[in-house]
């Protein structure tokens, strides 16, 4: 193989369409843009949701619902998941960092522990929030449920 024999694959390169370069090019006049209208003009860009002048669907449909700006979203973890994690890692202390390292939550998530499932061993858990049943089950086995401020 020599450098002077290299060439693009067959069909890879086509003849470039040169528009707006006079009638002799075959693409003069309207420069392949069709006749009148916004799409023929330079600088045209289609608006998001534009339906040719028809009232867009997002304006036809009514607004509804309410989004509370002050809502606090928690990523919930059940006690059964904590029990499985503590058995897998053989630890008795579980923090947000432990949950992050094991892929149960992300760094930005607030964590709430719920009481679904049973604990078999004493656990010291720290999280952003706890349900009453989770606190009761953790403290029944002499564990601690610490709320992170």
C-alpha atoms as a PDB file:
ATOM      1  CA  UNK A   1       0.000   0.000   0.000  1.00  0.00           C
ATOM      2  CA  UNK A   2       1.322   3.393  -0.986  1.00  0.00           C
ATOM      3  CA  UNK A   3       0.130   6.843  -0.013  1.00  0.00           C
ATOM      4  CA  UNK A   4      -0.415   7.858  -3.606  1.00  0.00           C
ATOM      5  CA  UNK A   5      -2.877   4.990  -4.142  1.00  0.00           C
ATOM      6  CA  UNK A   6      -5.174   5.880  -1.217  1.00  0.00           C
ATOM      7  CA  UNK A   7      -8.606   7.198  -2.148  1.00  0.00           C
ATOM      8  CA  UNK A   8     -12.049   7.397  -0.487  1.00  0.00           C
ATOM      9  CA  UNK A   9     -14.412   4.438  -0.675  1.00  0.00           C
ATOM     10  CA  UNK A  10     -16.664   4.263  -3.724  1.00  0.00           C
ATOM     11  CA  UNK A  11     -19.733   6.452  -3.186  1.00  0.00           C
ATOM     12  CA  UNK A  12     -18.292   8.197  -0.124  1.00  0.00           C
ATOM     13  CA  UNK A  13     -17.829  11.518  -1.862  1.00  0.00           C
ATOM     14  CA  UNK A  14     -20.533  13.099  -4.006  1.00  0.00           C
ATOM     15  CA  UNK A  15     -20.525  16.237  -6.066  1.00  0.00           C
ATOM     16  CA  UNK A  16     -21.145  19.221  -3.783  1.00  0.00           C
ATOM     17  CA  UNK A  17     -24.342  21.127  -4.563  1.00  0.00           C
ATOM     18  CA  UNK A  18     -23.361  24.794  -5.099  1.00  0.00           C
ATOM     19  CA  UNK A  19     -26.528  26.819  -4.721  1.00  0.00           C
ATOM     20  CA  UNK A  20     -27.186  30.487  -5.406  1.00  0.00           C
ATOM     21  CA  UNK A  21     -24.365  30.795  -7.964  1.00  0.00           C
ATOM     22  CA  UNK A  22     -26.369  31.821 -10.995  1.00  0.00           C
ATOM     23  CA  UNK A  23     -28.704  30.180 -13.501  1.00  0.00           C
ATOM     24  CA  UNK A  24     -25.878  28.333 -15.245  1.00  0.00           C
ATOM     25  CA  UNK A  25     -25.289  26.173 -12.198  1.00  0.00           C
ATOM     26  CA  UNK A  26     -28.787  24.758 -12.391  1.00  0.00           C
ATOM     27  CA  UNK A  27     -29.381  25.920  -8.810  1.00  0.00           C
ATOM     28  CA  UNK A  28     -29.818  29.640  -9.407  1.00  0.00           C
ATOM     29  CA  UNK A  29     -32.961  31.694  -8.875  1.00  0.00           C
ATOM     30  CA  UNK A  30     -34.454  30.331  -5.667  1.00  0.00           C
ATOM     31  CA  UNK A  31     -31.334  28.312  -4.764  1.00  0.00           C
ATOM     32  CA  UNK A  32     -33.354  25.102  -4.230  1.00  0.00           C
ATOM     33  CA  UNK A  33     -35.411  26.745  -1.475  1.00  0.00           C
ATOM     34  CA  UNK A  34     -38.732  26.724  -3.306  1.00  0.00           C
ATOM     35  CA  UNK A  35     -40.951  29.743  -3.781  1.00  0.00           C
ATOM     36  CA  UNK A  36     -42.161  32.349  -1.250  1.00  0.00           C
ATOM     37  CA  UNK A  37     -42.460  32.089   2.519  1.00  0.00           C
ATOM     38  CA  UNK A  38     -40.433  32.151   5.697  1.00  0.00           C
ATOM     39  CA  UNK A  39     -38.498  28.995   4.826  1.00  0.00           C
ATOM     40  CA  UNK A  40     -37.101  30.660   1.715  1.00  0.00           C
ATOM     41  CA  UNK A  41     -35.629  33.592   3.652  1.00  0.00           C
ATOM     42  CA  UNK A  42     -32.176  33.545   5.195  1.00  0.00           C
ATOM     43  CA  UNK A  43     -32.035  33.291   8.975  1.00  0.00           C
ATOM     44  CA  UNK A  44     -35.243  31.239   9.238  1.00  0.00           C
ATOM     45  CA  UNK A  45     -35.414  28.880  12.176  1.00  0.00           C
ATOM     46  CA  UNK A  46     -38.430  26.809  13.117  1.00  0.00           C
ATOM     47  CA  UNK A  47     -39.912  27.724  16.508  1.00  0.00           C
ATOM     48  CA  UNK A  48     -40.293  24.891  18.981  1.00  0.00           C
ATOM     49  CA  UNK A  49     -43.860  23.620  18.740  1.00  0.00           C
ATOM     50  CA  UNK A  50     -44.674  25.642  15.585  1.00  0.00           C
ATOM     51  CA  UNK A  51     -47.480  24.001  13.619  1.00  0.00           C
ATOM     52  CA  UNK A  52     -47.697  26.159  10.512  1.00  0.00           C
ATOM     53  CA  UNK A  53     -49.684  28.942  12.122  1.00  0.00           C
ATOM     54  CA  UNK A  54     -52.198  26.588  13.732  1.00  0.00           C
ATOM     55  CA  UNK A  55     -52.555  27.111  17.471  1.00  0.00           C
ATOM     56  CA  UNK A  56     -49.850  24.847  18.948  1.00  0.00           C
ATOM     57  CA  UNK A  57     -50.945  21.888  21.036  1.00  0.00           C
ATOM     58  CA  UNK A  58     -49.227  23.235  24.150  1.00  0.00           C
ATOM     59  CA  UNK A  59     -51.384  26.380  23.898  1.00  0.00           C
ATOM     60  CA  UNK A  60     -54.587  24.469  23.122  1.00  0.00           C
ATOM     61  CA  UNK A  61     -54.388  22.387  26.281  1.00  0.00           C
ATOM     62  CA  UNK A  62     -55.279  24.027  29.606  1.00  0.00           C
ATOM     63  CA  UNK A  63     -52.808  24.492  32.417  1.00  0.00           C
ATOM     64  CA  UNK A  64     -53.495  22.388  35.462  1.00  0.00           C
ATOM     65  CA  UNK A  65     -51.883  21.242  38.674  1.00  0.00           C
ATOM     66  CA  UNK A  66     -49.571  22.923  41.110  1.00  0.00           C
ATOM     67  CA  UNK A  67     -45.838  22.599  41.611  1.00  0.00           C
ATOM     68  CA  UNK A  68     -44.791  23.478  45.136  1.00  0.00           C
ATOM     69  CA  UNK A  69     -41.450  25.292  45.018  1.00  0.00           C
ATOM     70  CA  UNK A  70     -40.798  24.403  48.668  1.00  0.00           C
ATOM     71  CA  UNK A  71     -41.350  20.635  48.325  1.00  0.00           C
ATOM     72  CA  UNK A  72     -38.530  18.497  49.697  1.00  0.00           C
ATOM     73  CA  UNK A  73     -37.932  15.356  47.627  1.00  0.00           C
ATOM     74  CA  UNK A  74     -36.394  12.400  49.464  1.00  0.00           C
ATOM     75  CA  UNK A  75     -34.854   9.262  48.015  1.00  0.00           C
ATOM     76  CA  UNK A  76     -36.432   6.510  50.124  1.00  0.00           C
ATOM     77  CA  UNK A  77     -34.532   3.487  51.402  1.00  0.00           C
ATOM     78  CA  UNK A  78     -36.246   0.678  53.291  1.00  0.00           C
ATOM     79  CA  UNK A  79     -34.862  -1.160  56.314  1.00  0.00           C
ATOM     80  CA  UNK A  80     -34.757  -4.375  54.263  1.00  0.00           C
ATOM     81  CA  UNK A  81     -32.250  -2.692  51.904  1.00  0.00           C
ATOM     82  CA  UNK A  82     -30.145  -1.536  54.857  1.00  0.00           C
ATOM     83  CA  UNK A  83     -30.148  -5.071  56.317  1.00  0.00           C
ATOM     84  CA  UNK A  84     -28.981  -6.515  52.982  1.00  0.00           C
ATOM     85  CA  UNK A  85     -26.288  -3.839  52.682  1.00  0.00           C
ATOM     86  CA  UNK A  86     -25.002  -4.381  56.236  1.00  0.00           C
ATOM     87  CA  UNK A  87     -24.779  -8.150  55.655  1.00  0.00           C
ATOM     88  CA  UNK A  88     -22.974  -7.640  52.335  1.00  0.00           C
ATOM     89  CA  UNK A  89     -20.440  -5.176  53.763  1.00  0.00           C
ATOM     90  CA  UNK A  90     -20.463  -6.680  57.292  1.00  0.00           C
ATOM     91  CA  UNK A  91     -20.808  -3.258  58.946  1.00  0.00           C
ATOM     92  CA  UNK A  92     -23.061  -2.001  61.725  1.00  0.00           C
ATOM     93  CA  UNK A  93     -22.885   1.721  60.842  1.00  0.00           C
ATOM     94  CA  UNK A  94     -24.576   3.051  57.713  1.00  0.00           C
ATOM     95  CA  UNK A  95     -24.203   6.682  56.616  1.00  0.00           C
ATOM     96  CA  UNK A  96     -25.148   8.630  53.485  1.00  0.00           C
ATOM     97  CA  UNK A  97     -21.590   8.082  52.226  1.00  0.00           C
ATOM     98  CA  UNK A  98     -22.044   4.305  52.501  1.00  0.00           C
ATOM     99  CA  UNK A  99     -25.263   4.526  50.483  1.00  0.00           C
ATOM    100  CA  UNK A 100     -23.589   6.754  47.862  1.00  0.00           C
ATOM    101  CA  UNK A 101     -20.592   4.419  47.476  1.00  0.00           C
ATOM    102  CA  UNK A 102     -22.895   1.431  46.955  1.00  0.00           C
ATOM    103  CA  UNK A 103     -25.019   3.207  44.337  1.00  0.00           C
ATOM    104  CA  UNK A 104     -28.277   3.390  46.300  1.00  0.00           C
ATOM    105  CA  UNK A 105     -28.396   7.209  46.183  1.00  0.00           C
ATOM    106  CA  UNK A 106     -26.550  10.022  44.433  1.00  0.00           C
ATOM    107  CA  UNK A 107     -24.617  12.831  46.112  1.00  0.00           C
ATOM    108  CA  UNK A 108     -27.417  15.398  45.743  1.00  0.00           C
ATOM    109  CA  UNK A 109     -30.214  13.136  47.037  1.00  0.00           C
ATOM    110  CA  UNK A 110     -31.749  13.607  50.461  1.00  0.00           C
ATOM    111  CA  UNK A 111     -32.238  10.211  52.114  1.00  0.00           C
ATOM    112  CA  UNK A 112     -35.276   9.082  54.099  1.00  0.00           C
ATOM    113  CA  UNK A 113     -35.315   5.695  55.825  1.00  0.00           C
ATOM    114  CA  UNK A 114     -38.661   3.881  55.815  1.00  0.00           C
ATOM    115  CA  UNK A 115     -39.678   0.982  58.057  1.00  0.00           C
ATOM    116  CA  UNK A 116     -40.505  -1.639  55.406  1.00  0.00           C
ATOM    117  CA  UNK A 117     -38.767  -4.939  56.128  1.00  0.00           C
ATOM    118  CA  UNK A 118     -37.209  -6.437  59.238  1.00  0.00           C
ATOM    119  CA  UNK A 119     -33.870  -5.820  60.887  1.00  0.00           C
ATOM    120  CA  UNK A 120     -31.944  -8.783  62.255  1.00  0.00           C
ATOM    121  CA  UNK A 121     -28.940  -6.972  63.698  1.00  0.00           C
ATOM    122  CA  UNK A 122     -28.153  -3.748  65.524  1.00  0.00           C
ATOM    123  CA  UNK A 123     -27.555  -0.846  63.122  1.00  0.00           C
ATOM    124  CA  UNK A 124     -26.408   2.737  63.611  1.00  0.00           C
ATOM    125  CA  UNK A 125     -27.965   4.691  60.762  1.00  0.00           C
ATOM    126  CA  UNK A 126     -27.590   8.363  59.866  1.00  0.00           C
ATOM    127  CA  UNK A 127     -29.841   9.921  57.222  1.00  0.00           C
ATOM    128  CA  UNK A 128     -31.727  13.123  56.430  1.00  0.00           C
ATOM    129  CA  UNK A 129     -35.095  11.803  57.675  1.00  0.00           C
ATOM    130  CA  UNK A 130     -36.697   8.710  59.226  1.00  0.00           C
ATOM    131  CA  UNK A 131     -40.233   7.399  59.469  1.00  0.00           C
ATOM    132  CA  UNK A 132     -41.591   6.650  62.943  1.00  0.00           C
ATOM    133  CA  UNK A 133     -41.749   2.920  62.233  1.00  0.00           C
ATOM    134  CA  UNK A 134     -38.129   2.903  61.038  1.00  0.00           C
ATOM    135  CA  UNK A 135     -36.940   4.625  64.226  1.00  0.00           C
ATOM    136  CA  UNK A 136     -38.938   2.166  66.346  1.00  0.00           C
ATOM    137  CA  UNK A 137     -37.478  -0.891  64.577  1.00  0.00           C
ATOM    138  CA  UNK A 138     -33.901   0.437  64.711  1.00  0.00           C
ATOM    139  CA  UNK A 139     -34.122   1.344  68.408  1.00  0.00           C
ATOM    140  CA  UNK A 140     -35.819  -1.979  69.272  1.00  0.00           C
ATOM    141  CA  UNK A 141     -32.472  -3.660  68.512  1.00  0.00           C
ATOM    142  CA  UNK A 142     -30.497  -1.013  70.487  1.00  0.00           C
ATOM    143  CA  UNK A 143     -29.407   0.740  67.304  1.00  0.00           C
ATOM    144  CA  UNK A 144     -29.384   4.494  66.717  1.00  0.00           C
ATOM    145  CA  UNK A 145     -31.186   6.602  64.125  1.00  0.00           C
ATOM    146  CA  UNK A 146     -29.358   9.906  63.698  1.00  0.00           C
ATOM    147  CA  UNK A 147     -30.905  12.739  61.685  1.00  0.00           C
ATOM    148  CA  UNK A 148     -28.364  14.731  59.659  1.00  0.00           C
ATOM    149  CA  UNK A 149     -28.947  18.485  59.873  1.00  0.00           C
END
